[in-house]
Structure formats: structure tokens, C-alpha cells
């Protein structure tokens, strides 16, 4: 049902805006994060993309969008897909703090 999908999208957008605006300083319009949902990925993946961008020192919505596009192009559909890729990329010498955050 399209109406229900619209409601879900609005709720998802609001949740992402709150997640980004943890410090209460940012005023991000819904239109700025709406493109994140075109990939039809779970909200947890969007949050992980935001955390990844921050961890890498790229605090822009365009960078987050790029991460989501990359994951979508690779066929990732859930957090586990991202975790598996990260484990492959991490050398035997250890892992980054971000990898440890999502290591559950």
C-alpha cells in the first residue's frame, strides 16, 4: 500500500534526522536525507553509513549518500553484509574502532 509506505518513509526520515541531530545543533531538512531511502536499505544501515562517514572524517550528507550507493551497488541488504566486507578488508593486525562498534 503506497500510503503506508509513505508513512514509513516519513517516520524513517524523521528518525534519521534525529540521529544526525544528536547534539541539537543541526537543522537538516527532510529533503536532505530523503535520497538515502531510494536504495531501500534498512534504517540501521543508514545509521551505519552516517557513523562510517563521521569516523572517516567526512561529515557531509553527500558522503553518506555515496556510502549507501556503494553498498546498494554491491548488493548489500543488511548490516551483516557490511560487517562481512569489513572483516575481509581488515588485516590480521587488528581492526578500527568503527569495526569494533558493530562487532556483535
N, C-alpha and C. Protein backbone atom coordinates (compact mmCIF):
# COMPACT_ATOMS: atom_id res chain seq x y z
N UNK A 1 0.84 -1.18 0.00
CA UNK A 1 0.00 0.00 0.00
C UNK A 1 0.89 1.25 0.00
N UNK A 2 0.72 2.09 -0.99
CA UNK A 2 1.56 3.29 -1.15
C UNK A 2 1.42 4.25 0.03
N UNK A 3 0.21 4.38 0.57
CA UNK A 3 0.01 5.30 1.69
C UNK A 3 0.83 4.85 2.89
N UNK A 4 0.81 3.55 3.19
CA UNK A 4 1.59 3.02 4.31
C UNK A 4 3.07 3.20 4.07
N UNK A 5 3.54 2.98 2.82
CA UNK A 5 4.95 3.17 2.51
C UNK A 5 5.34 4.62 2.73
N UNK A 6 4.47 5.56 2.37
CA UNK A 6 4.74 6.97 2.58
C UNK A 6 4.88 7.31 4.05
N UNK A 7 4.03 6.73 4.87
CA UNK A 7 4.09 6.95 6.31
C UNK A 7 5.40 6.38 6.85
N UNK A 8 5.77 5.19 6.40
CA UNK A 8 7.02 4.58 6.84
C UNK A 8 8.21 5.45 6.44
N UNK A 9 8.16 5.99 5.22
CA UNK A 9 9.26 6.84 4.75
C UNK A 9 9.37 8.09 5.60
N UNK A 10 8.24 8.69 5.93
CA UNK A 10 8.25 9.90 6.75
C UNK A 10 8.82 9.59 8.13
N UNK A 11 8.40 8.49 8.72
CA UNK A 11 8.92 8.10 10.03
C UNK A 11 10.41 7.81 9.95
N UNK A 12 10.84 7.16 8.88
CA UNK A 12 12.26 6.86 8.70
C UNK A 12 13.08 8.12 8.55
N UNK A 13 12.59 9.06 7.78
CA UNK A 13 13.29 10.33 7.59
C UNK A 13 13.41 11.06 8.92
N UNK A 14 12.32 11.10 9.68
CA UNK A 14 12.36 11.76 10.99
C UNK A 14 13.36 11.08 11.92
N UNK A 15 13.43 9.75 11.88
CA UNK A 15 14.37 9.03 12.74
C UNK A 15 15.81 9.35 12.35
N UNK A 16 16.09 9.42 11.06
CA UNK A 16 17.45 9.73 10.61
C UNK A 16 17.82 11.17 10.96
N UNK A 17 16.89 12.10 10.81
CA UNK A 17 17.18 13.49 11.19
C UNK A 17 17.51 13.58 12.67
N UNK A 18 16.75 12.88 13.51
CA UNK A 18 17.04 12.86 14.95
C UNK A 18 18.40 12.23 15.22
N UNK A 19 18.74 11.18 14.48
CA UNK A 19 20.02 10.51 14.67
C UNK A 19 21.18 11.44 14.32
N UNK A 20 21.04 12.16 13.23
CA UNK A 20 22.08 13.10 12.82
C UNK A 20 22.16 14.28 13.78
N UNK A 21 21.02 14.68 14.29
CA UNK A 21 20.92 15.88 15.12
C UNK A 21 21.03 15.56 16.61
N UNK A 22 21.89 14.61 16.97
CA UNK A 22 22.05 14.21 18.37
C UNK A 22 22.44 15.39 19.26
N UNK A 23 23.25 16.28 18.73
CA UNK A 23 23.73 17.40 19.53
C UNK A 23 22.74 18.56 19.61
N UNK A 24 21.68 18.48 18.83
CA UNK A 24 20.67 19.54 18.84
C UNK A 24 21.09 20.80 18.10
N UNK A 25 22.23 20.77 17.42
CA UNK A 25 22.74 21.95 16.74
C UNK A 25 22.32 22.02 15.27
N UNK A 26 22.18 20.90 14.62
CA UNK A 26 21.92 20.87 13.19
C UNK A 26 20.43 21.03 12.89
N UNK A 27 20.15 21.74 11.84
CA UNK A 27 18.78 21.86 11.36
C UNK A 27 18.77 21.33 9.93
N UNK A 28 18.49 20.05 9.79
CA UNK A 28 18.54 19.40 8.49
C UNK A 28 17.12 19.20 7.98
N UNK A 29 16.85 19.67 6.77
CA UNK A 29 15.51 19.48 6.21
C UNK A 29 15.31 18.03 5.77
N UNK A 30 14.08 17.59 5.79
CA UNK A 30 13.76 16.22 5.37
C UNK A 30 14.23 15.96 3.95
N UNK A 31 14.16 16.96 3.10
CA UNK A 31 14.57 16.78 1.70
C UNK A 31 16.05 16.43 1.58
N UNK A 32 16.85 16.78 2.58
CA UNK A 32 18.29 16.49 2.53
C UNK A 32 18.60 15.02 2.78
N UNK A 33 17.77 14.34 3.56
CA UNK A 33 18.02 12.94 3.86
C UNK A 33 17.10 11.99 3.10
N UNK A 34 16.08 12.51 2.46
CA UNK A 34 15.14 11.68 1.70
C UNK A 34 15.84 10.81 0.66
N UNK A 35 16.89 11.31 -0.03
CA UNK A 35 17.57 10.45 -1.02
C UNK A 35 18.19 9.19 -0.43
N UNK A 36 18.47 9.16 0.86
CA UNK A 36 19.05 7.97 1.49
C UNK A 36 18.12 6.77 1.35
N UNK A 37 16.82 7.03 1.22
CA UNK A 37 15.83 5.97 1.21
C UNK A 37 15.58 5.39 -0.18
N UNK A 38 16.18 5.98 -1.21
CA UNK A 38 15.95 5.46 -2.57
C UNK A 38 16.56 4.08 -2.77
N UNK A 39 17.52 3.72 -1.93
CA UNK A 39 18.18 2.42 -2.06
C UNK A 39 17.41 1.31 -1.35
N UNK A 40 16.37 1.68 -0.61
CA UNK A 40 15.52 0.73 0.12
C UNK A 40 16.32 -0.15 1.07
N UNK A 41 17.25 0.49 1.78
CA UNK A 41 18.05 -0.20 2.79
C UNK A 41 17.46 0.05 4.17
N UNK A 42 17.69 -0.85 5.11
CA UNK A 42 17.16 -0.66 6.47
C UNK A 42 17.74 0.59 7.14
N UNK A 43 16.98 1.15 8.04
CA UNK A 43 17.41 2.35 8.76
C UNK A 43 18.74 2.11 9.48
N UNK A 44 18.94 0.91 9.99
CA UNK A 44 20.19 0.60 10.69
C UNK A 44 21.38 0.75 9.74
N UNK A 45 21.20 0.43 8.47
CA UNK A 45 22.29 0.60 7.50
C UNK A 45 22.54 2.08 7.23
N UNK A 46 21.49 2.87 7.21
CA UNK A 46 21.65 4.32 7.01
C UNK A 46 22.42 4.90 8.19
N UNK A 47 22.08 4.46 9.40
CA UNK A 47 22.80 4.93 10.59
C UNK A 47 24.26 4.50 10.54
N UNK A 48 24.51 3.28 10.09
CA UNK A 48 25.89 2.81 9.98
C UNK A 48 26.66 3.64 8.95
N UNK A 49 26.01 4.01 7.86
CA UNK A 49 26.66 4.84 6.85
C UNK A 49 27.00 6.21 7.43
N UNK A 50 26.11 6.77 8.24
CA UNK A 50 26.37 8.05 8.90
C UNK A 50 27.57 7.92 9.84
N UNK A 51 27.58 6.86 10.65
CA UNK A 51 28.71 6.63 11.57
C UNK A 51 30.02 6.43 10.81
N UNK A 52 29.95 5.71 9.69
CA UNK A 52 31.14 5.47 8.88
C UNK A 52 31.69 6.78 8.33
N UNK A 53 30.81 7.63 7.83
CA UNK A 53 31.23 8.93 7.29
C UNK A 53 31.90 9.77 8.38
N UNK A 54 31.30 9.81 9.56
CA UNK A 54 31.86 10.58 10.67
C UNK A 54 33.21 10.01 11.06
N UNK A 55 33.29 8.68 11.18
CA UNK A 55 34.54 8.03 11.57
C UNK A 55 35.66 8.34 10.57
N UNK A 56 35.30 8.41 9.30
CA UNK A 56 36.30 8.70 8.26
C UNK A 56 36.61 10.19 8.12
N UNK A 57 35.90 11.02 8.90
CA UNK A 57 36.16 12.45 8.86
C UNK A 57 35.46 13.19 7.73
N UNK A 58 34.44 12.57 7.17
CA UNK A 58 33.67 13.19 6.08
C UNK A 58 32.24 13.42 6.56
N UNK A 59 32.01 14.56 7.14
CA UNK A 59 30.71 14.85 7.74
C UNK A 59 29.77 15.55 6.76
N UNK A 60 29.57 14.93 5.60
CA UNK A 60 28.63 15.51 4.64
C UNK A 60 27.58 14.48 4.26
N UNK A 61 26.41 14.98 3.94
CA UNK A 61 25.33 14.10 3.53
C UNK A 61 25.64 13.45 2.18
N UNK A 62 26.37 14.16 1.33
CA UNK A 62 26.77 13.59 0.04
C UNK A 62 27.67 12.36 0.25
N UNK A 63 28.54 12.42 1.22
CA UNK A 63 29.43 11.29 1.51
C UNK A 63 28.61 10.10 2.00
N UNK A 64 27.64 10.35 2.88
CA UNK A 64 26.77 9.29 3.38
C UNK A 64 26.01 8.66 2.21
N UNK A 65 25.49 9.51 1.33
CA UNK A 65 24.77 9.03 0.15
C UNK A 65 25.69 8.13 -0.69
N UNK A 66 26.94 8.53 -0.86
CA UNK A 66 27.89 7.74 -1.62
C UNK A 66 28.13 6.37 -1.01
N UNK A 67 28.21 6.32 0.32
CA UNK A 67 28.38 5.04 1.01
C UNK A 67 27.17 4.15 0.75
N UNK A 68 25.98 4.72 0.88
CA UNK A 68 24.76 3.94 0.66
C UNK A 68 24.67 3.45 -0.78
N UNK A 69 25.04 4.31 -1.73
CA UNK A 69 25.02 3.92 -3.14
C UNK A 69 26.00 2.77 -3.39
N UNK A 70 27.19 2.87 -2.79
CA UNK A 70 28.18 1.81 -2.93
C UNK A 70 27.66 0.49 -2.38
N UNK A 71 27.10 0.53 -1.19
CA UNK A 71 26.57 -0.69 -0.59
C UNK A 71 25.44 -1.27 -1.43
N UNK A 72 24.57 -0.42 -1.93
CA UNK A 72 23.48 -0.88 -2.78
C UNK A 72 24.01 -1.52 -4.06
N UNK A 73 25.00 -0.88 -4.68
CA UNK A 73 25.60 -1.41 -5.90
C UNK A 73 26.27 -2.76 -5.67
N UNK A 74 26.79 -2.97 -4.46
CA UNK A 74 27.42 -4.24 -4.12
C UNK A 74 26.39 -5.30 -3.74
N UNK A 75 25.12 -4.91 -3.66
CA UNK A 75 24.06 -5.86 -3.34
C UNK A 75 23.85 -6.06 -1.86
N UNK A 76 24.44 -5.21 -1.04
CA UNK A 76 24.25 -5.32 0.41
C UNK A 76 22.80 -5.00 0.76
N UNK A 77 22.21 -5.81 1.64
CA UNK A 77 20.81 -5.60 2.03
C UNK A 77 20.63 -5.51 3.54
N UNK A 78 21.70 -5.77 4.32
CA UNK A 78 21.58 -5.72 5.77
C UNK A 78 22.95 -5.43 6.39
N UNK A 79 22.97 -5.19 7.69
CA UNK A 79 24.21 -4.87 8.40
C UNK A 79 25.25 -5.98 8.28
N UNK A 80 24.79 -7.22 8.27
CA UNK A 80 25.73 -8.33 8.20
C UNK A 80 26.54 -8.29 6.91
N UNK A 81 25.94 -7.89 5.80
CA UNK A 81 26.67 -7.78 4.53
C UNK A 81 27.85 -6.81 4.67
N UNK A 82 27.61 -5.70 5.35
CA UNK A 82 28.67 -4.70 5.55
C UNK A 82 29.74 -5.27 6.48
N UNK A 83 29.31 -5.92 7.54
CA UNK A 83 30.27 -6.49 8.50
C UNK A 83 31.17 -7.52 7.84
N UNK A 84 30.60 -8.34 6.97
CA UNK A 84 31.39 -9.36 6.28
C UNK A 84 32.45 -8.69 5.41
N UNK A 85 32.06 -7.67 4.67
CA UNK A 85 33.02 -6.97 3.83
C UNK A 85 34.13 -6.35 4.68
N UNK A 86 33.77 -5.75 5.79
CA UNK A 86 34.78 -5.12 6.65
C UNK A 86 35.75 -6.16 7.21
N UNK A 87 35.25 -7.33 7.56
CA UNK A 87 36.14 -8.37 8.08
C UNK A 87 37.13 -8.80 7.02
N UNK A 88 36.70 -8.85 5.77
CA UNK A 88 37.59 -9.23 4.68
C UNK A 88 38.66 -8.16 4.49
N UNK A 89 38.29 -6.89 4.66
CA UNK A 89 39.22 -5.79 4.43
C UNK A 89 40.21 -5.58 5.56
N UNK A 90 39.87 -6.02 6.75
CA UNK A 90 40.72 -5.78 7.92
C UNK A 90 41.88 -6.77 7.92
N UNK A 91 43.07 -6.27 8.14
CA UNK A 91 44.24 -7.16 8.18
C UNK A 91 44.28 -7.91 9.50
N UNK A 92 45.15 -8.88 9.58
CA UNK A 92 45.31 -9.68 10.80
C UNK A 92 45.83 -8.86 11.97
N UNK A 93 46.34 -7.67 11.70
CA UNK A 93 46.94 -6.86 12.77
C UNK A 93 45.92 -6.18 13.66
N UNK A 94 44.65 -6.20 13.31
CA UNK A 94 43.65 -5.56 14.15
C UNK A 94 42.57 -4.92 13.32
N UNK A 95 41.69 -4.18 13.99
CA UNK A 95 40.62 -3.52 13.27
C UNK A 95 40.42 -2.12 13.83
N UNK A 96 39.66 -1.35 13.11
CA UNK A 96 39.41 0.03 13.52
C UNK A 96 38.34 0.08 14.60
N UNK A 97 38.24 1.19 15.27
CA UNK A 97 37.22 1.37 16.31
C UNK A 97 35.83 1.19 15.75
N UNK A 98 35.59 1.67 14.53
CA UNK A 98 34.27 1.54 13.93
C UNK A 98 33.90 0.08 13.73
N UNK A 99 34.85 -0.73 13.30
CA UNK A 99 34.58 -2.15 13.13
C UNK A 99 34.20 -2.78 14.46
N UNK A 100 34.88 -2.38 15.53
CA UNK A 100 34.59 -2.92 16.85
C UNK A 100 33.21 -2.51 17.35
N UNK A 101 32.77 -1.32 16.98
CA UNK A 101 31.43 -0.84 17.38
C UNK A 101 30.37 -1.79 16.88
N UNK A 102 30.51 -2.24 15.64
CA UNK A 102 29.49 -3.08 15.01
C UNK A 102 29.80 -4.57 15.10
N UNK A 103 30.73 -4.95 15.91
CA UNK A 103 31.17 -6.32 16.04
C UNK A 103 30.31 -7.05 17.06
N UNK A 104 29.13 -7.42 16.70
CA UNK A 104 28.25 -8.16 17.63
C UNK A 104 27.55 -9.26 16.90
